[in-house]
């Protein structure tokens, strides 16, 4: 039986979020990278009736990349709350792993 991907431990270390996964892998995310990858509709946009996604204009302030806290939602996602109050992004565990793989190719 295959286990479900989930973090075993999550810690903020300086300007990074460290995730130790239940499969033994570790991921480290710069907080600025993580915030700019926010998957919420306000940050990433929503598809229109034809399926086109228009990303809204975004501006970041001095508190945008400081992580206030985070919580696990429903056993499938991480929801960060940033110092500027933004908290609508749900980063599924699968999405976080994809981000980790993407940053390795950048």
PDB file of N, CA and C in Angstrom:
ATOM      1  N   UNK A   1       0.832  -1.186   0.000  1.00  0.00           N
ATOM      2  CA  UNK A   1       0.000   0.000   0.000  1.00  0.00           C
ATOM      3  C   UNK A   1       0.873   1.245   0.000  1.00  0.00           C
ATOM      4  N   UNK A   2       0.634   2.155  -0.903  1.00  0.00           N
ATOM      5  CA  UNK A   2       1.419   3.373  -1.042  1.00  0.00           C
ATOM      6  C   UNK A   2       0.935   4.418  -0.041  1.00  0.00           C
ATOM      7  N   UNK A   3       1.892   5.062   0.654  1.00  0.00           N
ATOM      8  CA  UNK A   3       1.501   6.085   1.625  1.00  0.00           C
ATOM      9  C   UNK A   3       1.247   7.410   0.906  1.00  0.00           C
ATOM     10  N   UNK A   4       0.439   8.227   1.522  1.00  0.00           N
ATOM     11  CA  UNK A   4       0.096   9.533   0.977  1.00  0.00           C
ATOM     12  C   UNK A   4       1.208  10.522   1.288  1.00  0.00           C
ATOM     13  N   UNK A   5       1.596  11.327   0.301  1.00  0.00           N
ATOM     14  CA  UNK A   5       2.622  12.336   0.487  1.00  0.00           C
ATOM     15  C   UNK A   5       2.154  13.356   1.513  1.00  0.00           C
ATOM     16  N   UNK A   6       2.997  13.593   2.510  1.00  0.00           N
ATOM     17  CA  UNK A   6       2.668  14.568   3.546  1.00  0.00           C
ATOM     18  C   UNK A   6       3.960  15.023   4.216  1.00  0.00           C
ATOM     19  N   UNK A   7       3.960  16.233   4.743  1.00  0.00           N
ATOM     20  CA  UNK A   7       5.136  16.667   5.496  1.00  0.00           C
ATOM     21  C   UNK A   7       5.192  15.980   6.861  1.00  0.00           C
ATOM     22  N   UNK A   8       6.380  15.563   7.251  1.00  0.00           N
ATOM     23  CA  UNK A   8       6.594  15.009   8.585  1.00  0.00           C
ATOM     24  C   UNK A   8       6.960  16.126   9.549  1.00  0.00           C
ATOM     25  N   UNK A   9       7.567  17.197   9.015  1.00  0.00           N
ATOM     26  CA  UNK A   9       7.970  18.337   9.829  1.00  0.00           C
ATOM     27  C   UNK A   9       8.105  19.556   8.921  1.00  0.00           C
ATOM     28  N   UNK A  10       7.704  20.710   9.423  1.00  0.00           N
ATOM     29  CA  UNK A  10       7.833  21.976   8.693  1.00  0.00           C
ATOM     30  C   UNK A  10       8.378  23.010   9.660  1.00  0.00           C
ATOM     31  N   UNK A  11       9.422  23.714   9.247  1.00  0.00           N
ATOM     32  CA  UNK A  11      10.038  24.739  10.094  1.00  0.00           C
ATOM     33  C   UNK A  11      10.434  25.939   9.244  1.00  0.00           C
ATOM     34  N   UNK A  12      10.332  27.106   9.825  1.00  0.00           N
ATOM     35  CA  UNK A  12      10.893  28.302   9.202  1.00  0.00           C
ATOM     36  C   UNK A  12      12.315  28.442   9.711  1.00  0.00           C
ATOM     37  N   UNK A  13      13.249  28.550   8.773  1.00  0.00           N
ATOM     38  CA  UNK A  13      14.659  28.710   9.116  1.00  0.00           C
ATOM     39  C   UNK A  13      15.155  29.941   8.384  1.00  0.00           C
ATOM     40  N   UNK A  14      15.283  31.036   9.091  1.00  0.00           N
ATOM     41  CA  UNK A  14      15.703  32.290   8.467  1.00  0.00           C
ATOM     42  C   UNK A  14      14.713  32.713   7.404  1.00  0.00           C
ATOM     43  N   UNK A  15      15.184  32.834   6.183  1.00  0.00           N
ATOM     44  CA  UNK A  15      14.352  33.264   5.055  1.00  0.00           C
ATOM     45  C   UNK A  15      13.842  32.083   4.240  1.00  0.00           C
ATOM     46  N   UNK A  16      13.844  30.889   4.841  1.00  0.00           N
ATOM     47  CA  UNK A  16      13.402  29.688   4.134  1.00  0.00           C
ATOM     48  C   UNK A  16      12.347  28.934   4.940  1.00  0.00           C
ATOM     49  N   UNK A  17      11.532  28.185   4.201  1.00  0.00           N
ATOM     50  CA  UNK A  17      10.623  27.223   4.808  1.00  0.00           C
ATOM     51  C   UNK A  17      11.196  25.848   4.490  1.00  0.00           C
ATOM     52  N   UNK A  18      11.480  25.084   5.520  1.00  0.00           N
ATOM     53  CA  UNK A  18      12.043  23.741   5.354  1.00  0.00           C
ATOM     54  C   UNK A  18      10.938  22.716   5.577  1.00  0.00           C
ATOM     55  N   UNK A  19      10.837  21.761   4.648  1.00  0.00           N
ATOM     56  CA  UNK A  19       9.832  20.704   4.746  1.00  0.00           C
ATOM     57  C   UNK A  19      10.547  19.362   4.691  1.00  0.00           C
ATOM     58  N   UNK A  20      10.359  18.579   5.745  1.00  0.00           N
ATOM     59  CA  UNK A  20      10.829  17.189   5.756  1.00  0.00           C
ATOM     60  C   UNK A  20       9.616  16.332   5.434  1.00  0.00           C
ATOM     61  N   UNK A  21       9.684  15.590   4.334  1.00  0.00           N
ATOM     62  CA  UNK A  21       8.552  14.802   3.864  1.00  0.00           C
ATOM     63  C   UNK A  21       8.556  13.410   4.482  1.00  0.00           C
ATOM     64  N   UNK A  22       7.388  12.783   4.486  1.00  0.00           N
ATOM     65  CA  UNK A  22       7.253  11.438   5.042  1.00  0.00           C
ATOM     66  C   UNK A  22       7.925  10.367   4.186  1.00  0.00           C
ATOM     67  N   UNK A  23       8.414  10.737   2.997  1.00  0.00           N
ATOM     68  CA  UNK A  23       9.150   9.770   2.174  1.00  0.00           C
ATOM     69  C   UNK A  23      10.665   9.947   2.297  1.00  0.00           C
ATOM     70  N   UNK A  24      11.090  10.820   3.244  1.00  0.00           N
ATOM     71  CA  UNK A  24      12.510  11.009   3.488  1.00  0.00           C
ATOM     72  C   UNK A  24      13.135  12.184   2.762  1.00  0.00           C
ATOM     73  N   UNK A  25      12.457  12.749   1.802  1.00  0.00           N
ATOM     74  CA  UNK A  25      12.990  13.888   1.051  1.00  0.00           C
ATOM     75  C   UNK A  25      12.858  15.169   1.878  1.00  0.00           C
ATOM     76  N   UNK A  26      13.737  16.125   1.617  1.00  0.00           N
ATOM     77  CA  UNK A  26      13.668  17.436   2.253  1.00  0.00           C
ATOM     78  C   UNK A  26      13.592  18.501   1.175  1.00  0.00           C
ATOM     79  N   UNK A  27      12.780  19.517   1.434  1.00  0.00           N
ATOM     80  CA  UNK A  27      12.634  20.641   0.510  1.00  0.00           C
ATOM     81  C   UNK A  27      12.893  21.930   1.270  1.00  0.00           C
ATOM     82  N   UNK A  28      13.529  22.877   0.593  1.00  0.00           N
ATOM     83  CA  UNK A  28      13.804  24.189   1.178  1.00  0.00           C
ATOM     84  C   UNK A  28      13.318  25.252   0.202  1.00  0.00           C
ATOM     85  N   UNK A  29      12.466  26.135   0.693  1.00  0.00           N
ATOM     86  CA  UNK A  29      11.874  27.169  -0.154  1.00  0.00           C
ATOM     87  C   UNK A  29      12.231  28.551   0.371  1.00  0.00           C
ATOM     88  N   UNK A  30      12.828  29.377  -0.483  1.00  0.00           N
ATOM     89  CA  UNK A  30      12.986  30.777  -0.119  1.00  0.00           C
ATOM     90  C   UNK A  30      11.582  31.353   0.047  1.00  0.00           C
ATOM     91  N   UNK A  31      11.360  32.135   1.094  1.00  0.00           N
ATOM     92  CA  UNK A  31      10.020  32.662   1.358  1.00  0.00           C
ATOM     93  C   UNK A  31       9.521  33.549   0.221  1.00  0.00           C
ATOM     94  N   UNK A  32      10.399  34.332  -0.385  1.00  0.00           N
ATOM     95  CA  UNK A  32       9.981  35.168  -1.513  1.00  0.00           C
ATOM     96  C   UNK A  32       9.510  34.306  -2.680  1.00  0.00           C
ATOM     97  N   UNK A  33      10.249  33.244  -2.976  1.00  0.00           N
ATOM     98  CA  UNK A  33       9.852  32.313  -4.035  1.00  0.00           C
ATOM     99  C   UNK A  33       8.482  31.715  -3.745  1.00  0.00           C
ATOM    100  N   UNK A  34       8.287  31.291  -2.486  1.00  0.00           N
ATOM    101  CA  UNK A  34       7.025  30.665  -2.100  1.00  0.00           C
ATOM    102  C   UNK A  34       5.862  31.639  -2.233  1.00  0.00           C
ATOM    103  N   UNK A  35       6.048  32.870  -1.799  1.00  0.00           N
ATOM    104  CA  UNK A  35       4.967  33.859  -1.891  1.00  0.00           C
ATOM    105  C   UNK A  35       4.641  34.164  -3.350  1.00  0.00           C
ATOM    106  N   UNK A  36       5.652  34.310  -4.177  1.00  0.00           N
ATOM    107  CA  UNK A  36       5.412  34.631  -5.586  1.00  0.00           C
ATOM    108  C   UNK A  36       4.783  33.457  -6.334  1.00  0.00           C
ATOM    109  N   UNK A  37       4.830  32.261  -5.761  1.00  0.00           N
ATOM    110  CA  UNK A  37       4.207  31.079  -6.364  1.00  0.00           C
ATOM    111  C   UNK A  37       2.821  30.815  -5.773  1.00  0.00           C
ATOM    112  N   UNK A  38       2.268  31.789  -5.059  1.00  0.00           N
ATOM    113  CA  UNK A  38       0.973  31.599  -4.408  1.00  0.00           C
ATOM    114  C   UNK A  38      -0.083  31.191  -5.433  1.00  0.00           C
ATOM    115  N   UNK A  39      -0.785  30.083  -5.171  1.00  0.00           N
ATOM    116  CA  UNK A  39      -1.757  29.569  -6.136  1.00  0.00           C
ATOM    117  C   UNK A  39      -3.164  30.152  -6.003  1.00  0.00           C
ATOM    118  N   UNK A  40      -3.390  31.114  -5.118  1.00  0.00           N
ATOM    119  CA  UNK A  40      -4.754  31.633  -4.945  1.00  0.00           C
ATOM    120  C   UNK A  40      -5.184  32.446  -6.170  1.00  0.00           C
ATOM    121  N   UNK A  41      -6.470  32.632  -6.304  1.00  0.00           N
ATOM    122  CA  UNK A  41      -7.018  33.357  -7.462  1.00  0.00           C
ATOM    123  C   UNK A  41      -6.546  34.806  -7.499  1.00  0.00           C
ATOM    124  N   UNK A  42      -6.383  35.431  -6.337  1.00  0.00           N
ATOM    125  CA  UNK A  42      -5.939  36.821  -6.303  1.00  0.00           C
ATOM    126  C   UNK A  42      -4.513  36.969  -6.828  1.00  0.00           C
ATOM    127  N   UNK A  43      -3.681  35.951  -6.630  1.00  0.00           N
ATOM    128  CA  UNK A  43      -2.291  36.012  -7.091  1.00  0.00           C
ATOM    129  C   UNK A  43      -2.097  35.373  -8.468  1.00  0.00           C
ATOM    130  N   UNK A  44      -2.689  34.213  -8.658  1.00  0.00           N
ATOM    131  CA  UNK A  44      -2.468  33.456  -9.881  1.00  0.00           C
ATOM    132  C   UNK A  44      -3.488  33.676 -10.970  1.00  0.00           C
ATOM    133  N   UNK A  45      -4.602  34.324 -10.642  1.00  0.00           N
ATOM    134  CA  UNK A  45      -5.658  34.556 -11.622  1.00  0.00           C
ATOM    135  C   UNK A  45      -6.654  33.414 -11.651  1.00  0.00           C
ATOM    136  N   UNK A  46      -7.746  33.663 -12.348  1.00  0.00           N
ATOM    137  CA  UNK A  46      -8.807  32.668 -12.518  1.00  0.00           C
ATOM    138  C   UNK A  46      -9.106  32.537 -14.001  1.00  0.00           C
ATOM    139  N   UNK A  47      -9.468  31.342 -14.442  1.00  0.00           N
ATOM    140  CA  UNK A  47      -9.817  31.199 -15.859  1.00  0.00           C
ATOM    141  C   UNK A  47     -11.154  31.867 -16.166  1.00  0.00           C
ATOM    142  N   UNK A  48     -11.227  32.482 -17.359  1.00  0.00           N
ATOM    143  CA  UNK A  48     -12.503  33.042 -17.804  1.00  0.00           C
ATOM    144  C   UNK A  48     -13.319  31.928 -18.452  1.00  0.00           C
ATOM    145  N   UNK A  49     -14.419  32.275 -19.037  1.00  0.00           N
ATOM    146  CA  UNK A  49     -15.328  31.284 -19.623  1.00  0.00           C
ATOM    147  C   UNK A  49     -14.671  30.483 -20.757  1.00  0.00           C
ATOM    148  N   UNK A  50     -13.647  31.055 -21.395  1.00  0.00           N
ATOM    149  CA  UNK A  50     -12.942  30.362 -22.470  1.00  0.00           C
ATOM    150  C   UNK A  50     -11.693  29.635 -21.985  1.00  0.00           C
ATOM    151  N   UNK A  51     -11.468  29.685 -20.666  1.00  0.00           N
ATOM    152  CA  UNK A  51     -10.324  28.976 -20.109  1.00  0.00           C
ATOM    153  C   UNK A  51      -9.036  29.772 -20.082  1.00  0.00           C
ATOM    154  N   UNK A  52      -9.073  31.026 -20.512  1.00  0.00           N
ATOM    155  CA  UNK A  52      -7.872  31.871 -20.466  1.00  0.00           C
ATOM    156  C   UNK A  52      -7.674  32.387 -19.044  1.00  0.00           C
ATOM    157  N   UNK A  53      -6.452  32.333 -18.588  1.00  0.00           N
ATOM    158  CA  UNK A  53      -6.141  32.830 -17.252  1.00  0.00           C
ATOM    159  C   UNK A  53      -5.370  34.131 -17.397  1.00  0.00           C
ATOM    160  N   UNK A  54      -5.923  35.170 -16.815  1.00  0.00           N
ATOM    161  CA  UNK A  54      -5.216  36.447 -16.798  1.00  0.00           C
ATOM    162  C   UNK A  54      -4.732  36.679 -15.383  1.00  0.00           C
ATOM    163  N   UNK A  55      -3.437  36.800 -15.255  1.00  0.00           N
ATOM    164  CA  UNK A  55      -2.841  37.030 -13.943  1.00  0.00           C
ATOM    165  C   UNK A  55      -3.041  38.490 -13.567  1.00  0.00           C
ATOM    166  N   UNK A  56      -3.596  38.751 -12.392  1.00  0.00           N
ATOM    167  CA  UNK A  56      -3.814  40.139 -11.981  1.00  0.00           C
ATOM    168  C   UNK A  56      -2.486  40.829 -11.694  1.00  0.00           C
ATOM    169  N   UNK A  57      -2.467  42.154 -11.795  1.00  0.00           N
ATOM    170  CA  UNK A  57      -1.233  42.861 -11.435  1.00  0.00           C
ATOM    171  C   UNK A  57      -0.993  42.714  -9.924  1.00  0.00           C
ATOM    172  N   UNK A  58       0.231  42.426  -9.568  1.00  0.00           N
ATOM    173  CA  UNK A  58       0.574  42.220  -8.164  1.00  0.00           C
ATOM    174  C   UNK A  58       1.615  43.231  -7.725  1.00  0.00           C
ATOM    175  N   UNK A  59       1.511  43.647  -6.498  1.00  0.00           N
ATOM    176  CA  UNK A  59       2.562  44.472  -5.914  1.00  0.00           C
ATOM    177  C   UNK A  59       2.845  43.921  -4.529  1.00  0.00           C
ATOM    178  N   UNK A  60       4.097  43.952  -4.168  1.00  0.00           N
ATOM    179  CA  UNK A  60       4.515  43.409  -2.884  1.00  0.00           C
ATOM    180  C   UNK A  60       5.109  44.536  -2.052  1.00  0.00           C
ATOM    181  N   UNK A  61       4.872  44.451  -0.762  1.00  0.00           N
ATOM    182  CA  UNK A  61       5.413  45.434   0.162  1.00  0.00           C
ATOM    183  C   UNK A  61       6.476  44.818   1.045  1.00  0.00           C
ATOM    184  N   UNK A  62       6.953  45.589   2.009  1.00  0.00           N
ATOM    185  CA  UNK A  62       8.039  45.104   2.868  1.00  0.00           C
ATOM    186  C   UNK A  62       7.661  43.879   3.713  1.00  0.00           C
ATOM    187  N   UNK A  63       6.376  43.647   3.970  1.00  0.00           N
ATOM    188  CA  UNK A  63       5.963  42.506   4.791  1.00  0.00           C
ATOM    189  C   UNK A  63       5.477  41.318   3.964  1.00  0.00           C
ATOM    190  N   UNK A  64       5.514  41.445   2.644  1.00  0.00           N
ATOM    191  CA  UNK A  64       4.957  40.410   1.772  1.00  0.00           C
ATOM    192  C   UNK A  64       5.689  39.080   1.832  1.00  0.00           C
ATOM    193  N   UNK A  65       6.967  39.101   2.141  1.00  0.00           N
ATOM    194  CA  UNK A  65       7.763  37.875   2.098  1.00  0.00           C
ATOM    195  C   UNK A  65       8.141  37.369   3.489  1.00  0.00           C
ATOM    196  N   UNK A  66       7.533  37.958   4.514  1.00  0.00           N
ATOM    197  CA  UNK A  66       7.771  37.506   5.883  1.00  0.00           C
ATOM    198  C   UNK A  66       6.612  36.606   6.296  1.00  0.00           C
ATOM    199  N   UNK A  67       6.928  35.407   6.687  1.00  0.00           N
ATOM    200  CA  UNK A  67       5.913  34.433   7.068  1.00  0.00           C
ATOM    201  C   UNK A  67       5.531  34.636   8.530  1.00  0.00           C
ATOM    202  N   UNK A  68       4.248  34.898   8.769  1.00  0.00           N
ATOM    203  CA  UNK A  68       3.754  35.056  10.144  1.00  0.00           C
ATOM    204  C   UNK A  68       3.526  33.692  10.777  1.00  0.00           C
ATOM    205  N   UNK A  69       2.801  32.831  10.064  1.00  0.00           N
ATOM    206  CA  UNK A  69       2.479  31.498  10.567  1.00  0.00           C
ATOM    207  C   UNK A  69       1.993  30.641   9.396  1.00  0.00           C
ATOM    208  N   UNK A  70       1.720  29.386   9.664  1.00  0.00           N
ATOM    209  CA  UNK A  70       1.127  28.508   8.661  1.00  0.00           C
ATOM    210  C   UNK A  70       0.324  27.440   9.388  1.00  0.00           C
ATOM    211  N   UNK A  71      -0.577  26.803   8.638  1.00  0.00           N
ATOM    212  CA  UNK A  71      -1.337  25.689   9.195  1.00  0.00           C
ATOM    213  C   UNK A  71      -1.553  24.639   8.110  1.00  0.00           C
ATOM    214  N   UNK A  72      -1.782  23.426   8.553  1.00  0.00           N
ATOM    215  CA  UNK A  72      -2.107  22.331   7.645  1.00  0.00           C
ATOM    216  C   UNK A  72      -3.623  22.313   7.501  1.00  0.00           C
ATOM    217  N   UNK A  73      -4.089  22.241   6.253  1.00  0.00           N
ATOM    218  CA  UNK A  73      -5.524  22.249   5.969  1.00  0.00           C
ATOM    219  C   UNK A  73      -5.931  20.878   5.432  1.00  0.00           C
ATOM    220  N   UNK A  74      -6.856  20.248   6.134  1.00  0.00           N
ATOM    221  CA  UNK A  74      -7.457  19.001   5.661  1.00  0.00           C
ATOM    222  C   UNK A  74      -6.505  17.864   5.376  1.00  0.00           C
ATOM    223  N   UNK A  75      -5.295  17.917   5.874  1.00  0.00           N
ATOM    224  CA  UNK A  75      -4.343  16.845   5.622  1.00  0.00           C
ATOM    225  C   UNK A  75      -3.811  16.806   4.204  1.00  0.00           C
ATOM    226  N   UNK A  76      -4.026  17.875   3.415  1.00  0.00           N
ATOM    227  CA  UNK A  76      -3.562  17.866   2.024  1.00  0.00           C
ATOM    228  C   UNK A  76      -2.857  19.145   1.588  1.00  0.00           C
ATOM    229  N   UNK A  77      -2.880  20.189   2.418  1.00  0.00           N
ATOM    230  CA  UNK A  77      -2.331  21.464   1.970  1.00  0.00           C
ATOM    231  C   UNK A  77      -1.748  22.264   3.127  1.00  0.00           C
ATOM    232  N   UNK A  78      -0.851  23.167   2.766  1.00  0.00           N
ATOM    233  CA  UNK A  78      -0.252  24.132   3.677  1.00  0.00           C
ATOM    234  C   UNK A  78      -0.868  25.491   3.371  1.00  0.00           C
ATOM    235  N   UNK A  79      -1.296  26.210   4.398  1.00  0.00           N
ATOM    236  CA  UNK A  79      -1.851  27.548   4.215  1.00  0.00           C
ATOM    237  C   UNK A  79      -1.003  28.536   5.010  1.00  0.00           C
ATOM    238  N   UNK A  80      -0.138  29.289   4.319  1.00  0.00           N
ATOM    239  CA  UNK A  80       0.668  30.282   5.019  1.00  0.00           C
ATOM    240  C   UNK A  80      -0.109  31.577   5.254  1.00  0.00           C
ATOM    241  N   UNK A  81       0.239  32.248   6.313  1.00  0.00           N
ATOM    242  CA  UNK A  81      -0.236  33.610   6.566  1.00  0.00           C
ATOM    243  C   UNK A  81       0.997  34.491   6.580  1.00  0.00           C
ATOM    244  N   UNK A  82       1.001  35.475   5.699  1.00  0.00           N
ATOM    245  CA  UNK A  82       2.145  36.362   5.540  1.00  0.00           C
ATOM    246  C   UNK A  82       1.953  37.604   6.405  1.00  0.00           C
ATOM    247  N   UNK A  83       3.032  38.284   6.707  1.00  0.00           N
ATOM    248  CA  UNK A  83       2.985  39.463   7.577  1.00  0.00           C
ATOM    249  C   UNK A  83       2.094  40.576   7.015  1.00  0.00           C
ATOM    250  N   UNK A  84       1.886  40.612   5.713  1.00  0.00           N
ATOM    251  CA  UNK A  84       1.005  41.640   5.131  1.00  0.00           C
ATOM    252  C   UNK A  84      -0.468  41.233   5.195  1.00  0.00           C
ATOM    253  N   UNK A  85      -0.771  40.066   5.817  1.00  0.00           N
ATOM    254  CA  UNK A  85      -2.147  39.628   5.997  1.00  0.00           C
ATOM    255  C   UNK A  85      -2.651  38.653   4.946  1.00  0.00           C
ATOM    256  N   UNK A  86      -1.912  38.477   3.859  1.00  0.00           N
ATOM    257  CA  UNK A  86      -2.356  37.562   2.800  1.00  0.00           C
ATOM    258  C   UNK A  86      -2.351  36.129   3.335  1.00  0.00           C
ATOM    259  N   UNK A  87      -3.498  35.428   3.162  1.00  0.00           N
ATOM    260  CA  UNK A  87      -3.575  34.063   3.689  1.00  0.00           C
ATOM    261  C   UNK A  87      -4.512  33.165   2.883  1.00  0.00           C
ATOM    262  N   UNK A  88      -4.810  33.530   1.652  1.00  0.00           N
ATOM    263  CA  UNK A  88      -5.781  32.740   0.882  1.00  0.00           C
ATOM    264  C   UNK A  88      -5.147  31.656   0.010  1.00  0.00           C
ATOM    265  N   UNK A  89      -3.846  31.528   0.024  1.00  0.00           N
ATOM    266  CA  UNK A  89      -3.192  30.502  -0.787  1.00  0.00           C
ATOM    267  C   UNK A  89      -3.156  29.159  -0.095  1.00  0.00           C
ATOM    268  N   UNK A  90      -3.671  28.132  -0.763  1.00  0.00           N
ATOM    269  CA  UNK A  90      -3.561  26.756  -0.284  1.00  0.00           C
ATOM    270  C   UNK A  90      -2.557  26.027  -1.172  1.00  0.00           C
ATOM    271  N   UNK A  91      -1.412  25.725  -0.617  1.00  0.00           N
ATOM    272  CA  UNK A  91      -0.355  25.028  -1.338  1.00  0.00           C
ATOM    273  C   UNK A  91      -0.520  23.537  -1.058  1.00  0.00           C
ATOM    274  N   UNK A  92      -1.102  22.801  -2.006  1.00  0.00           N
ATOM    275  CA  UNK A  92      -1.245  21.366  -1.775  1.00  0.00           C
ATOM    276  C   UNK A  92       0.149  20.761  -1.647  1.00  0.00           C
ATOM    277  N   UNK A  93       0.215  19.629  -0.980  1.00  0.00           N
ATOM    278  CA  UNK A  93       1.515  18.982  -0.819  1.00  0.00           C
ATOM    279  C   UNK A  93       2.095  18.609  -2.180  1.00  0.00           C
ATOM    280  N   UNK A  94       1.247  18.182  -3.087  1.00  0.00           N
ATOM    281  CA  UNK A  94       1.702  17.851  -4.440  1.00  0.00           C
ATOM    282  C   UNK A  94       2.275  19.103  -5.126  1.00  0.00           C
ATOM    283  N   UNK A  95       1.590  20.245  -4.972  1.00  0.00           N
ATOM    284  CA  UNK A  95       2.066  21.498  -5.560  1.00  0.00           C
ATOM    285  C   UNK A  95       3.417  21.902  -4.964  1.00  0.00           C
ATOM    286  N   UNK A  96       3.573  21.738  -3.650  1.00  0.00           N
ATOM    287  CA  UNK A  96       4.859  22.065  -3.030  1.00  0.00           C
ATOM    288  C   UNK A  96       5.985  21.202  -3.597  1.00  0.00           C
ATOM    289  N   UNK A  97       5.722  19.932  -3.805  1.00  0.00           N
ATOM    290  CA  UNK A  97       6.756  19.065  -4.386  1.00  0.00           C
ATOM    291  C   UNK A  97       7.077  19.490  -5.818  1.00  0.00           C
ATOM    292  N   UNK A  98       6.043  19.883  -6.570  1.00  0.00           N
ATOM    293  CA  UNK A  98       6.280  20.368  -7.932  1.00  0.00           C
ATOM    294  C   UNK A  98       7.116  21.643  -7.900  1.00  0.00           C
ATOM    295  N   UNK A  99       6.840  22.528  -6.959  1.00  0.00           N
ATOM    296  CA  UNK A  99       7.650  23.744  -6.820  1.00  0.00           C
ATOM    297  C   UNK A  99       9.095  23.409  -6.501  1.00  0.00           C
ATOM    298  N   UNK A 100       9.293  22.426  -5.646  1.00  0.00           N
ATOM    299  CA  UNK A 100      10.639  22.012  -5.288  1.00  0.00           C
ATOM    300  C   UNK A 100      11.385  21.494  -6.512  1.00  0.00           C
ATOM    301  N   UNK A 101      10.718  20.689  -7.325  1.00  0.00           N
ATOM    302  CA  UNK A 101      11.341  20.170  -8.541  1.00  0.00           C
ATOM    303  C   UNK A 101      11.594  21.295  -9.543  1.00  0.00           C
ATOM    304  N   UNK A 102      10.674  22.239  -9.645  1.00  0.00           N
ATOM    305  CA  UNK A 102      10.817  23.357 -10.592  1.00  0.00           C
ATOM    306  C   UNK A 102      12.002  24.240 -10.223  1.00  0.00           C
ATOM    307  N   UNK A 103      12.166  24.546  -8.948  1.00  0.00           N
ATOM    308  CA  UNK A 103      13.264  25.442  -8.549  1.00  0.00           C
ATOM    309  C   UNK A 103      14.621  24.793  -8.785  1.00  0.00           C
ATOM    310  N   UNK A 104      14.649  23.472  -8.778  1.00  0.00           N
ATOM    311  CA  UNK A 104      15.888  22.767  -9.055  1.00  0.00           C
ATOM    312  C   UNK A 104      16.311  22.856 -10.513  1.00  0.00           C
ATOM    313  N   UNK A 105      15.351  23.184 -11.382  1.00  0.00           N
ATOM    314  CA  UNK A 105      15.628  23.280 -12.818  1.00  0.00           C
ATOM    315  C   UNK A 105      15.823  24.715 -13.269  1.00  0.00           C
ATOM    316  N   UNK A 106      15.626  25.661 -12.362  1.00  0.00           N
ATOM    317  CA  UNK A 106      15.742  27.083 -12.731  1.00  0.00           C
ATOM    318  C   UNK A 106      17.163  27.519 -12.838  1.00  0.00           C
TER     319      UNK A 106
END
